[in-house]
PDB file of all heavy atoms in Angstrom:
ATOM      1  N   ASN A   1     166.492  92.435-106.588  1.00  0.00           N
ATOM      2  CA  ASN A   1     166.421  93.358-105.454  1.00  0.00           C
ATOM      3  C   ASN A   1     167.301  94.586-105.679  1.00  0.00           C
ATOM      4  O   ASN A   1     166.918  95.711-105.338  1.00  0.00           O
ATOM      5  CB  ASN A   1     166.846  92.639-104.171  1.00  0.00           C
ATOM      6  CG  ASN A   1     165.837  91.585-103.743  1.00  0.00           C
ATOM      7  OD1 ASN A   1     164.662  91.654-104.104  1.00  0.00           O
ATOM      8  ND2 ASN A   1     166.284  90.612-102.977  1.00  0.00           N
ATOM      9  N   LEU A   2     168.481  94.376-106.262  1.00  0.00           N
ATOM     10  CA  LEU A   2     169.368  95.503-106.566  1.00  0.00           C
ATOM     11  C   LEU A   2     168.739  96.415-107.612  1.00  0.00           C
ATOM     12  O   LEU A   2     168.837  97.642-107.528  1.00  0.00           O
ATOM     13  CB  LEU A   2     170.733  94.998-107.036  1.00  0.00           C
ATOM     14  CG  LEU A   2     171.786  96.068-107.354  1.00  0.00           C
ATOM     15  CD1 LEU A   2     172.031  96.972-106.148  1.00  0.00           C
ATOM     16  CD2 LEU A   2     173.093  95.424-107.809  1.00  0.00           C
ATOM     17  N   TRP A   3     168.067  95.802-108.597  1.00  0.00           N
ATOM     18  CA  TRP A   3     167.399  96.595-109.629  1.00  0.00           C
ATOM     19  C   TRP A   3     166.288  97.448-109.022  1.00  0.00           C
ATOM     20  O   TRP A   3     166.173  98.641-109.314  1.00  0.00           O
ATOM     21  CB  TRP A   3     166.849  95.690-110.717  1.00  0.00           C
ATOM     22  CG  TRP A   3     165.951  96.387-111.702  1.00  0.00           C
ATOM     23  CD1 TRP A   3     164.664  96.058-112.038  1.00  0.00           C
ATOM     24  CD2 TRP A   3     166.268  97.541-112.505  1.00  0.00           C
ATOM     25  NE1 TRP A   3     164.158  96.933-112.971  1.00  0.00           N
ATOM     26  CE2 TRP A   3     165.130  97.851-113.268  1.00  0.00           C
ATOM     27  CE3 TRP A   3     167.407  98.344-112.619  1.00  0.00           C
ATOM     28  CZ2 TRP A   3     165.085  98.919-114.156  1.00  0.00           C
ATOM     29  CZ3 TRP A   3     167.376  99.424-113.503  1.00  0.00           C
ATOM     30  CH2 TRP A   3     166.226  99.690-114.256  1.00  0.00           C
ATOM     31  N   MET A   4     165.490  96.866-108.139  1.00  0.00           N
ATOM     32  CA  MET A   4     164.391  97.626-107.538  1.00  0.00           C
ATOM     33  C   MET A   4     164.933  98.751-106.653  1.00  0.00           C
ATOM     34  O   MET A   4     164.317  99.820-106.558  1.00  0.00           O
ATOM     35  CB  MET A   4     163.495  96.691-106.725  1.00  0.00           C
ATOM     36  CG  MET A   4     162.788  95.627-107.554  1.00  0.00           C
ATOM     37  SD  MET A   4     161.995  96.257-109.074  1.00  0.00           S
ATOM     38  CE  MET A   4     160.748  97.362-108.379  1.00  0.00           C
ATOM     39  N   ALA A   5     166.085  98.521-106.029  1.00  0.00           N
ATOM     40  CA  ALA A   5     166.688  99.561-105.188  1.00  0.00           C
ATOM     41  C   ALA A   5     167.251 100.713-106.021  1.00  0.00           C
ATOM     42  O   ALA A   5     167.288 101.857-105.561  1.00  0.00           O
ATOM     43  CB  ALA A   5     167.792  98.959-104.318  1.00  0.00           C
ATOM     44  N   SER A   6     167.678 100.415-107.238  1.00  0.00           N
ATOM     45  CA  SER A   6     168.346 101.431-108.072  1.00  0.00           C
ATOM     46  C   SER A   6     167.455 102.018-109.168  1.00  0.00           C
ATOM     47  O   SER A   6     167.815 103.028-109.785  1.00  0.00           O
ATOM     48  CB  SER A   6     169.591 100.825-108.721  1.00  0.00           C
ATOM     49  OG  SER A   6     169.243  99.721-109.545  1.00  0.00           O
ATOM     50  N   LYS A   7     166.304 101.430-109.409  1.00  0.00           N
ATOM     51  CA  LYS A   7     165.473 101.808-110.559  1.00  0.00           C
ATOM     52  C   LYS A   7     165.119 103.289-110.574  1.00  0.00           C
ATOM     53  O   LYS A   7     165.186 103.945-111.624  1.00  0.00           O
ATOM     54  CB  LYS A   7     164.193 100.970-110.572  1.00  0.00           C
ATOM     55  CG  LYS A   7     163.303 101.235-111.775  1.00  0.00           C
ATOM     56  CD  LYS A   7     162.095 100.313-111.773  1.00  0.00           C
ATOM     57  CE  LYS A   7     161.190 100.590-112.968  1.00  0.00           C
ATOM     58  NZ  LYS A   7     160.003  99.688-112.969  1.00  0.00           N
ATOM     59  N   HIS A   8     164.759 103.842-109.431  1.00  0.00           N
ATOM     60  CA  HIS A   8     164.347 105.250-109.381  1.00  0.00           C
ATOM     61  C   HIS A   8     165.473 106.173-109.828  1.00  0.00           C
ATOM     62  O   HIS A   8     165.246 107.115-110.609  1.00  0.00           O
ATOM     63  CB  HIS A   8     163.892 105.612-107.967  1.00  0.00           C
ATOM     64  CG  HIS A   8     163.463 107.039-107.817  1.00  0.00           C
ATOM     65  ND1 HIS A   8     162.376 107.565-108.489  1.00  0.00           N
ATOM     66  CD2 HIS A   8     164.004 108.072-107.088  1.00  0.00           C
ATOM     67  CE1 HIS A   8     162.237 108.848-108.179  1.00  0.00           C
ATOM     68  NE2 HIS A   8     163.220 109.176-107.340  1.00  0.00           N
ATOM     69  N   GLU A   9     166.690 105.910-109.362  1.00  0.00           N
ATOM     70  CA  GLU A   9     167.825 106.754-109.751  1.00  0.00           C
ATOM     71  C   GLU A   9     168.169 106.574-111.231  1.00  0.00           C
ATOM     72  O   GLU A   9     168.592 107.524-111.895  1.00  0.00           O
ATOM     73  CB  GLU A   9     169.043 106.441-108.885  1.00  0.00           C
ATOM     74  CG  GLU A   9     168.921 106.904-107.441  1.00  0.00           C
ATOM     75  CD  GLU A   9     168.758 108.418-107.317  1.00  0.00           C
ATOM     76  OE1 GLU A   9     169.333 109.147-108.140  1.00  0.00           O
ATOM     77  OE2 GLU A   9     168.048 108.859-106.395  1.00  0.00           O
ATOM     78  N   VAL A  10     167.999 105.355-111.741  1.00  0.00           N
ATOM     79  CA  VAL A  10     168.227 105.112-113.174  1.00  0.00           C
ATOM     80  C   VAL A  10     167.223 105.918-113.996  1.00  0.00           C
ATOM     81  O   VAL A  10     167.586 106.574-114.988  1.00  0.00           O
ATOM     82  CB  VAL A  10     168.097 103.605-113.500  1.00  0.00           C
ATOM     83  CG1 VAL A  10     168.098 103.379-115.008  1.00  0.00           C
ATOM     84  CG2 VAL A  10     169.240 102.827-112.846  1.00  0.00           C
ATOM     85  N   GLU A  11     165.974 105.907-113.580  1.00  0.00           N
ATOM     86  CA  GLU A  11     164.943 106.684-114.281  1.00  0.00           C
ATOM     87  C   GLU A  11     165.262 108.171-114.265  1.00  0.00           C
ATOM     88  O   GLU A  11     165.110 108.867-115.284  1.00  0.00           O
ATOM     89  CB  GLU A  11     163.575 106.424-113.648  1.00  0.00           C
ATOM     90  CG  GLU A  11     163.015 105.044-113.926  1.00  0.00           C
ATOM     91  CD  GLU A  11     161.694 104.789-113.227  1.00  0.00           C
ATOM     92  OE1 GLU A  11     161.549 105.220-112.062  1.00  0.00           O
ATOM     93  OE2 GLU A  11     160.813 104.158-113.835  1.00  0.00           O
ATOM     94  N   LYS A  12     165.707 108.670-113.116  1.00  0.00           N
ATOM     95  CA  LYS A  12     166.064 110.086-113.004  1.00  0.00           C
ATOM     96  C   LYS A  12     167.201 110.450-113.952  1.00  0.00           C
ATOM     97  O   LYS A  12     167.174 111.500-114.607  1.00  0.00           O
ATOM     98  CB  LYS A  12     166.455 110.414-111.562  1.00  0.00           C
ATOM     99  CG  LYS A  12     165.292 110.590-110.610  1.00  0.00           C
ATOM    100  CD  LYS A  12     165.753 110.752-109.172  1.00  0.00           C
ATOM    101  CE  LYS A  12     166.681 111.910-108.965  1.00  0.00           C
ATOM    102  NZ  LYS A  12     167.071 112.066-107.530  1.00  0.00           N
ATOM    103  N   ALA A  13     168.210 109.572-114.034  1.00  0.00           N
ATOM    104  CA  ALA A  13     169.348 109.833-114.916  1.00  0.00           C
ATOM    105  C   ALA A  13     168.905 109.876-116.378  1.00  0.00           C
ATOM    106  O   ALA A  13     169.414 110.689-117.162  1.00  0.00           O
ATOM    107  CB  ALA A  13     170.413 108.754-114.723  1.00  0.00           C
ATOM    108  N   LEU A  14     167.964 109.023-116.748  1.00  0.00           N
ATOM    109  CA  LEU A  14     167.459 109.009-118.121  1.00  0.00           C
ATOM    110  C   LEU A  14     166.628 110.255-118.410  1.00  0.00           C
ATOM    111  O   LEU A  14     166.749 110.859-119.484  1.00  0.00           O
ATOM    112  CB  LEU A  14     166.624 107.747-118.366  1.00  0.00           C
ATOM    113  CG  LEU A  14     167.395 106.424-118.380  1.00  0.00           C
ATOM    114  CD1 LEU A  14     166.432 105.248-118.502  1.00  0.00           C
ATOM    115  CD2 LEU A  14     168.420 106.384-119.507  1.00  0.00           C
ATOM    116  N   VAL A  15     165.790 110.649-117.457  1.00  0.00           N
ATOM    117  CA  VAL A  15     164.949 111.844-117.634  1.00  0.00           C
ATOM    118  C   VAL A  15     165.815 113.069-117.911  1.00  0.00           C
ATOM    119  O   VAL A  15     165.482 113.907-118.761  1.00  0.00           O
ATOM    120  CB  VAL A  15     164.055 112.070-116.393  1.00  0.00           C
ATOM    121  CG1 VAL A  15     163.430 113.466-116.420  1.00  0.00           C
ATOM    122  CG2 VAL A  15     162.957 111.018-116.336  1.00  0.00           C
ATOM    123  N   LYS A  16     166.946 113.189-117.210  1.00  0.00           N
ATOM    124  CA  LYS A  16     167.844 114.331-117.411  1.00  0.00           C
ATOM    125  C   LYS A  16     168.352 114.407-118.847  1.00  0.00           C
ATOM    126  O   LYS A  16     168.749 115.470-119.322  1.00  0.00           O
ATOM    127  CB  LYS A  16     169.036 114.231-116.465  1.00  0.00           C
ATOM    128  CG  LYS A  16     168.708 114.528-115.020  1.00  0.00           C
ATOM    129  CD  LYS A  16     169.952 114.411-114.150  1.00  0.00           C
ATOM    130  CE  LYS A  16     169.645 114.678-112.687  1.00  0.00           C
ATOM    131  NZ  LYS A  16     170.860 114.517-111.830  1.00  0.00           N
ATOM    132  N   ARG A  17     168.341 113.275-119.532  1.00  0.00           N
ATOM    133  CA  ARG A  17     168.840 113.208-120.906  1.00  0.00           C
ATOM    134  C   ARG A  17     167.719 113.087-121.928  1.00  0.00           C
ATOM    135  O   ARG A  17     167.950 112.731-123.082  1.00  0.00           O
ATOM    136  CB  ARG A  17     169.835 112.047-121.025  1.00  0.00           C
ATOM    137  CG  ARG A  17     171.100 112.324-120.227  1.00  0.00           C
ATOM    138  CD  ARG A  17     171.867 111.071-119.860  1.00  0.00           C
ATOM    139  NE  ARG A  17     173.106 111.400-119.151  1.00  0.00           N
ATOM    140  CZ  ARG A  17     173.163 111.654-117.842  1.00  0.00           C
ATOM    141  NH1 ARG A  17     172.064 111.603-117.092  1.00  0.00           N
ATOM    142  NH2 ARG A  17     174.319 111.957-117.270  1.00  0.00           N
ATOM    143  N   GLY A  18     166.493 113.377-121.483  1.00  0.00           N
ATOM    144  CA  GLY A  18     165.350 113.379-122.395  1.00  0.00           C
ATOM    145  C   GLY A  18     164.865 112.000-122.780  1.00  0.00           C
ATOM    146  O   GLY A  18     164.258 111.827-123.839  1.00  0.00           O
ATOM    147  N   LEU A  19     165.109 111.004-121.913  1.00  0.00           N
ATOM    148  CA  LEU A  19     164.739 109.627-122.207  1.00  0.00           C
ATOM    149  C   LEU A  19     163.788 109.081-121.145  1.00  0.00           C
ATOM    150  O   LEU A  19     163.750 109.560-120.017  1.00  0.00           O
ATOM    151  CB  LEU A  19     165.983 108.738-122.269  1.00  0.00           C
ATOM    152  CG  LEU A  19     167.091 109.166-123.230  1.00  0.00           C
ATOM    153  CD1 LEU A  19     168.317 108.270-123.058  1.00  0.00           C
ATOM    154  CD2 LEU A  19     166.596 109.132-124.669  1.00  0.00           C
ATOM    155  N   LYS A  20     163.032 108.068-121.532  1.00  0.00           N
ATOM    156  CA  LYS A  20     162.124 107.399-120.598  1.00  0.00           C
ATOM    157  C   LYS A  20     162.454 105.913-120.555  1.00  0.00           C
ATOM    158  O   LYS A  20     162.563 105.260-121.595  1.00  0.00           O
ATOM    159  CB  LYS A  20     160.666 107.588-121.021  1.00  0.00           C
ATOM    160  CG  LYS A  20     159.667 106.917-120.075  1.00  0.00           C
ATOM    161  CD  LYS A  20     158.243 107.237-120.421  1.00  0.00           C
ATOM    162  CE  LYS A  20     157.288 106.552-119.438  1.00  0.00           C
ATOM    163  NZ  LYS A  20     157.504 106.982-118.032  1.00  0.00           N
ATOM    164  N   LEU A  21     162.601 105.374-119.358  1.00  0.00           N
ATOM    165  CA  LEU A  21     162.856 103.943-119.191  1.00  0.00           C
ATOM    166  C   LEU A  21     161.616 103.142-119.557  1.00  0.00           C
ATOM    167  O   LEU A  21     160.509 103.472-119.139  1.00  0.00           O
ATOM    168  CB  LEU A  21     163.240 103.651-117.736  1.00  0.00           C
ATOM    169  CG  LEU A  21     163.424 102.178-117.380  1.00  0.00           C
ATOM    170  CD1 LEU A  21     164.682 101.615-118.031  1.00  0.00           C
ATOM    171  CD2 LEU A  21     163.480 102.004-115.862  1.00  0.00           C
ATOM    172  N   LEU A  22     161.816 102.092-120.347  1.00  0.00           N
ATOM    173  CA  LEU A  22     160.727 101.172-120.653  1.00  0.00           C
ATOM    174  C   LEU A  22     160.841  99.919-119.791  1.00  0.00           C
ATOM    175  O   LEU A  22     159.939  99.594-119.041  1.00  0.00           O
ATOM    176  CB  LEU A  22     160.731 100.818-122.145  1.00  0.00           C
ATOM    177  CG  LEU A  22     160.351 101.974-123.079  1.00  0.00           C
ATOM    178  CD1 LEU A  22     160.555 101.584-124.543  1.00  0.00           C
ATOM    179  CD2 LEU A  22     158.916 102.423-122.840  1.00  0.00           C
ATOM    180  N   TYR A  23     161.971  99.222-119.894  1.00  0.00           N
ATOM    181  CA  TYR A  23     162.149  98.037-119.041  1.00  0.00           C
ATOM    182  C   TYR A  23     163.612  97.639-118.979  1.00  0.00           C
ATOM    183  O   TYR A  23     164.447  98.175-119.703  1.00  0.00           O
ATOM    184  CB  TYR A  23     161.284  96.871-119.537  1.00  0.00           C
ATOM    185  CG  TYR A  23     161.664  96.280-120.884  1.00  0.00           C
ATOM    186  CD1 TYR A  23     162.649  95.298-120.983  1.00  0.00           C
ATOM    187  CD2 TYR A  23     161.018  96.670-122.057  1.00  0.00           C
ATOM    188  CE1 TYR A  23     162.984  94.733-122.207  1.00  0.00           C
ATOM    189  CE2 TYR A  23     161.345  96.109-123.285  1.00  0.00           C
ATOM    190  CZ  TYR A  23     162.334  95.136-123.349  1.00  0.00           C
ATOM    191  OH  TYR A  23     162.668  94.579-124.562  1.00  0.00           O
ATOM    192  N   SER A  24     163.905  96.685-118.102  1.00  0.00           N
ATOM    193  CA  SER A  24     165.271  96.191-117.929  1.00  0.00           C
ATOM    194  C   SER A  24     165.261  94.673-117.830  1.00  0.00           C
ATOM    195  O   SER A  24     164.361  94.097-117.212  1.00  0.00           O
ATOM    196  CB  SER A  24     165.876  96.782-116.650  1.00  0.00           C
ATOM    197  OG  SER A  24     167.153  96.234-116.396  1.00  0.00           O
ATOM    198  N   VAL A  25     166.260  94.038-118.448  1.00  0.00           N
ATOM    199  CA  VAL A  25     166.379  92.576-118.426  1.00  0.00           C
ATOM    200  C   VAL A  25     167.854  92.211-118.210  1.00  0.00           C
ATOM    201  O   VAL A  25     168.732  92.768-118.867  1.00  0.00           O
ATOM    202  CB  VAL A  25     165.873  91.946-119.745  1.00  0.00           C
ATOM    203  CG1 VAL A  25     166.233  90.460-119.823  1.00  0.00           C
ATOM    204  CG2 VAL A  25     164.366  92.131-119.872  1.00  0.00           C
ATOM    205  N   PRO A  26     168.145  91.270-117.307  1.00  0.00           N
ATOM    206  CA  PRO A  26     169.536  90.895-117.040  1.00  0.00           C
ATOM    207  C   PRO A  26     170.086  89.899-118.046  1.00  0.00           C
ATOM    208  O   PRO A  26     169.343  89.145-118.683  1.00  0.00           O
ATOM    209  CB  PRO A  26     169.456  90.249-115.655  1.00  0.00           C
ATOM    210  CG  PRO A  26     168.110  89.600-115.652  1.00  0.00           C
ATOM    211  CD  PRO A  26     167.209  90.543-116.427  1.00  0.00           C
ATOM    212  N   TRP A  27     171.397  89.892-118.150  1.00  0.00           N
ATOM    213  CA  TRP A  27     172.111  88.824-118.833  1.00  0.00           C
ATOM    214  C   TRP A  27     172.296  87.679-117.844  1.00  0.00           C
ATOM    215  O   TRP A  27     172.144  87.881-116.633  1.00  0.00           O
ATOM    216  CB  TRP A  27     173.479  89.318-119.313  1.00  0.00           C
ATOM    217  CG  TRP A  27     173.388  90.272-120.454  1.00  0.00           C
ATOM    218  CD1 TRP A  27     173.436  91.639-120.377  1.00  0.00           C
ATOM    219  CD2 TRP A  27     173.200  89.953-121.833  1.00  0.00           C
ATOM    220  NE1 TRP A  27     173.296  92.181-121.629  1.00  0.00           N
ATOM    221  CE2 TRP A  27     173.145  91.170-122.545  1.00  0.00           C
ATOM    222  CE3 TRP A  27     173.074  88.761-122.532  1.00  0.00           C
ATOM    223  CZ2 TRP A  27     172.970  91.222-123.920  1.00  0.00           C
ATOM    224  CZ3 TRP A  27     172.907  88.800-123.912  1.00  0.00           C
ATOM    225  CH2 TRP A  27     172.857  90.021-124.594  1.00  0.00           C
ATOM    226  N   PRO A  28     172.634  86.505-118.314  1.00  0.00           N
ATOM    227  CA  PRO A  28     172.968  85.423-117.382  1.00  0.00           C
ATOM    228  C   PRO A  28     174.148  85.832-116.498  1.00  0.00           C
ATOM    229  O   PRO A  28     174.932  86.717-116.851  1.00  0.00           O
ATOM    230  CB  PRO A  28     173.342  84.259-118.313  1.00  0.00           C
ATOM    231  CG  PRO A  28     172.591  84.531-119.573  1.00  0.00           C
ATOM    232  CD  PRO A  28     172.617  86.027-119.720  1.00  0.00           C
ATOM    233  N   PRO A  29     174.302  85.201-115.333  1.00  0.00           N
ATOM    234  CA  PRO A  29     175.391  85.548-114.415  1.00  0.00           C
ATOM    235  C   PRO A  29     176.763  85.443-115.073  1.00  0.00           C
ATOM    236  O   PRO A  29     176.992  84.596-115.948  1.00  0.00           O
ATOM    237  CB  PRO A  29     175.249  84.500-113.301  1.00  0.00           C
ATOM    238  CG  PRO A  29     173.822  84.074-113.354  1.00  0.00           C
ATOM    239  CD  PRO A  29     173.438  84.129-114.805  1.00  0.00           C
ATOM    240  N   GLN A  30     177.655  86.307-114.639  1.00  0.00           N
ATOM    241  CA  GLN A  30     179.041  86.283-115.111  1.00  0.00           C
ATOM    242  C   GLN A  30     179.812  85.256-114.284  1.00  0.00           C
ATOM    243  O   GLN A  30     179.930  85.387-113.061  1.00  0.00           O
ATOM    244  CB  GLN A  30     179.666  87.666-114.962  1.00  0.00           C
ATOM    245  CG  GLN A  30     178.878  88.774-115.638  1.00  0.00           C
ATOM    246  CD  GLN A  30     178.823  88.612-117.149  1.00  0.00           C
ATOM    247  OE1 GLN A  30     179.818  88.783-117.838  1.00  0.00           O
ATOM    248  NE2 GLN A  30     177.657  88.258-117.675  1.00  0.00           N
ATOM    249  N   ASN A  31     180.327  84.223-114.954  1.00  0.00           N
ATOM    250  CA  ASN A  31     180.967  83.110-114.264  1.00  0.00           C
ATOM    251  C   ASN A  31     182.418  82.944-114.691  1.00  0.00           C
ATOM    252  O   ASN A  31     182.893  83.616-115.615  1.00  0.00           O
ATOM    253  CB  ASN A  31     180.163  81.835-114.488  1.00  0.00           C
ATOM    254  CG  ASN A  31     178.838  81.875-113.752  1.00  0.00           C
ATOM    255  OD1 ASN A  31     178.767  82.309-112.607  1.00  0.00           O
ATOM    256  ND2 ASN A  31     177.769  81.439-114.410  1.00  0.00           N
ATOM    257  N   LEU A  32     183.107  82.050-114.023  1.00  0.00           N
ATOM    258  CA  LEU A  32     184.550  81.847-114.221  1.00  0.00           C
ATOM    259  C   LEU A  32     184.829  80.734-115.229  1.00  0.00           C
ATOM    260  O   LEU A  32     184.319  79.618-115.094  1.00  0.00           O
ATOM    261  CB  LEU A  32     185.201  81.468-112.901  1.00  0.00           C
ATOM    262  CG  LEU A  32     185.674  82.587-111.978  1.00  0.00           C
ATOM    263  CD1 LEU A  32     186.046  82.015-110.620  1.00  0.00           C
ATOM    264  CD2 LEU A  32     186.870  83.324-112.586  1.00  0.00           C
ATOM    265  N   TYR A  33     185.649  81.038-116.221  1.00  0.00           N
ATOM    266  CA  TYR A  33     186.170  80.041-117.155  1.00  0.00           C
ATOM    267  C   TYR A  33     187.673  79.936-116.914  1.00  0.00           C
ATOM    268  O   TYR A  33     188.346  80.948-116.721  1.00  0.00           O
ATOM    269  CB  TYR A  33     185.956  80.462-118.605  1.00  0.00           C
ATOM    270  CG  TYR A  33     184.511  80.510-119.057  1.00  0.00           C
ATOM    271  CD1 TYR A  33     183.682  81.572-118.708  1.00  0.00           C
ATOM    272  CD2 TYR A  33     183.988  79.506-119.880  1.00  0.00           C
ATOM    273  CE1 TYR A  33     182.368  81.635-119.147  1.00  0.00           C
ATOM    274  CE2 TYR A  33     182.677  79.557-120.332  1.00  0.00           C
ATOM    275  CZ  TYR A  33     181.871  80.617-119.952  1.00  0.00           C
ATOM    276  OH  TYR A  33     180.574  80.671-120.392  1.00  0.00           O
ATOM    277  N   SER A  34     188.202  78.719-116.966  1.00  0.00           N
ATOM    278  CA  SER A  34     189.633  78.547-116.703  1.00  0.00           C
ATOM    279  C   SER A  34     190.200  77.353-117.462  1.00  0.00           C
ATOM    280  O   SER A  34     189.481  76.409-117.780  1.00  0.00           O
ATOM    281  CB  SER A  34     189.865  78.358-115.200  1.00  0.00           C
ATOM    282  OG  SER A  34     191.221  78.127-114.919  1.00  0.00           O
ATOM    283  N   LYS A  35     191.496  77.438-117.714  1.00  0.00           N
ATOM    284  CA  LYS A  35     192.191  76.308-118.339  1.00  0.00           C
ATOM    285  C   LYS A  35     192.471  75.193-117.333  1.00  0.00           C
ATOM    286  O   LYS A  35     192.631  74.038-117.716  1.00  0.00           O
ATOM    287  CB  LYS A  35     193.526  76.779-118.929  1.00  0.00           C
ATOM    288  CG  LYS A  35     193.416  77.526-120.226  1.00  0.00           C
ATOM    289  CD  LYS A  35     194.818  77.808-120.739  1.00  0.00           C
ATOM    290  CE  LYS A  35     194.783  78.411-122.120  1.00  0.00           C
ATOM    291  NZ  LYS A  35     196.144  78.635-122.638  1.00  0.00           N
ATOM    292  N   LYS A  36     192.588  75.586-116.055  1.00  0.00           N
ATOM    293  CA  LYS A  36     192.939  74.597-115.040  1.00  0.00           C
ATOM    294  C   LYS A  36     191.980  74.710-113.857  1.00  0.00           C
ATOM    295  O   LYS A  36     191.274  75.730-113.707  1.00  0.00           O
ATOM    296  CB  LYS A  36     194.378  74.801-114.571  1.00  0.00           C
ATOM    297  CG  LYS A  36     194.607  76.104-113.814  1.00  0.00           C
ATOM    298  CD  LYS A  36     196.050  76.236-113.347  1.00  0.00           C
ATOM    299  CE  LYS A  36     196.243  77.463-112.461  1.00  0.00           C
ATOM    300  NZ  LYS A  36     197.638  77.606-111.986  1.00  0.00           N
ATOM    301  N   PRO A  37     191.907  73.705-113.015  1.00  0.00           N
ATOM    302  CA  PRO A  37     191.015  73.774-111.845  1.00  0.00           C
ATOM    303  C   PRO A  37     191.379  74.940-110.933  1.00  0.00           C
ATOM    304  O   PRO A  37     192.550  75.293-110.792  1.00  0.00           O
ATOM    305  CB  PRO A  37     191.254  72.427-111.147  1.00  0.00           C
ATOM    306  CG  PRO A  37     191.794  71.524-112.207  1.00  0.00           C
ATOM    307  CD  PRO A  37     192.606  72.410-113.115  1.00  0.00           C
ATOM    308  N   LEU A  38     190.348  75.544-110.329  1.00  0.00           N
ATOM    309  CA  LEU A  38     190.548  76.661-109.405  1.00  0.00           C
ATOM    310  C   LEU A  38     189.955  76.287-108.041  1.00  0.00           C
ATOM    311  O   LEU A  38     188.794  75.877-107.961  1.00  0.00           O
ATOM    312  CB  LEU A  38     189.850  77.920-109.932  1.00  0.00           C
ATOM    313  CG  LEU A  38     190.302  78.448-111.299  1.00  0.00           C
ATOM    314  CD1 LEU A  38     189.394  79.579-111.759  1.00  0.00           C
ATOM    315  CD2 LEU A  38     191.750  78.916-111.252  1.00  0.00           C
ATOM    316  N   SER A  39     190.746  76.439-106.990  1.00  0.00           N
ATOM    317  CA  SER A  39     190.245  76.119-105.653  1.00  0.00           C
ATOM    318  C   SER A  39     190.438  77.262-104.664  1.00  0.00           C
ATOM    319  O   SER A  39     189.822  77.281-103.602  1.00  0.00           O
ATOM    320  CB  SER A  39     190.934  74.857-105.109  1.00  0.00           C
ATOM    321  OG  SER A  39     192.342  75.039-105.066  1.00  0.00           O
ATOM    322  N   SER A  40     191.307  78.225-105.023  1.00  0.00           N
ATOM    323  CA  SER A  40     191.500  79.399-104.163  1.00  0.00           C
ATOM    324  C   SER A  40     192.002  80.550-105.015  1.00  0.00           C
ATOM    325  O   SER A  40     192.407  80.369-106.174  1.00  0.00           O
ATOM    326  CB  SER A  40     192.497  79.104-103.042  1.00  0.00           C
ATOM    327  OG  SER A  40     193.820  79.061-103.567  1.00  0.00           O
TER     328      SER A  40
END
């Protein structure tokens, strides 16, 4: 949903630099790694 809301502005920014958007793909979510348990 965030991508669809921002796609038009991303395309505009690329056009200004002589580029055309082909497609976009996300990475997996950014998650927490820790040495010890986290509760707060």
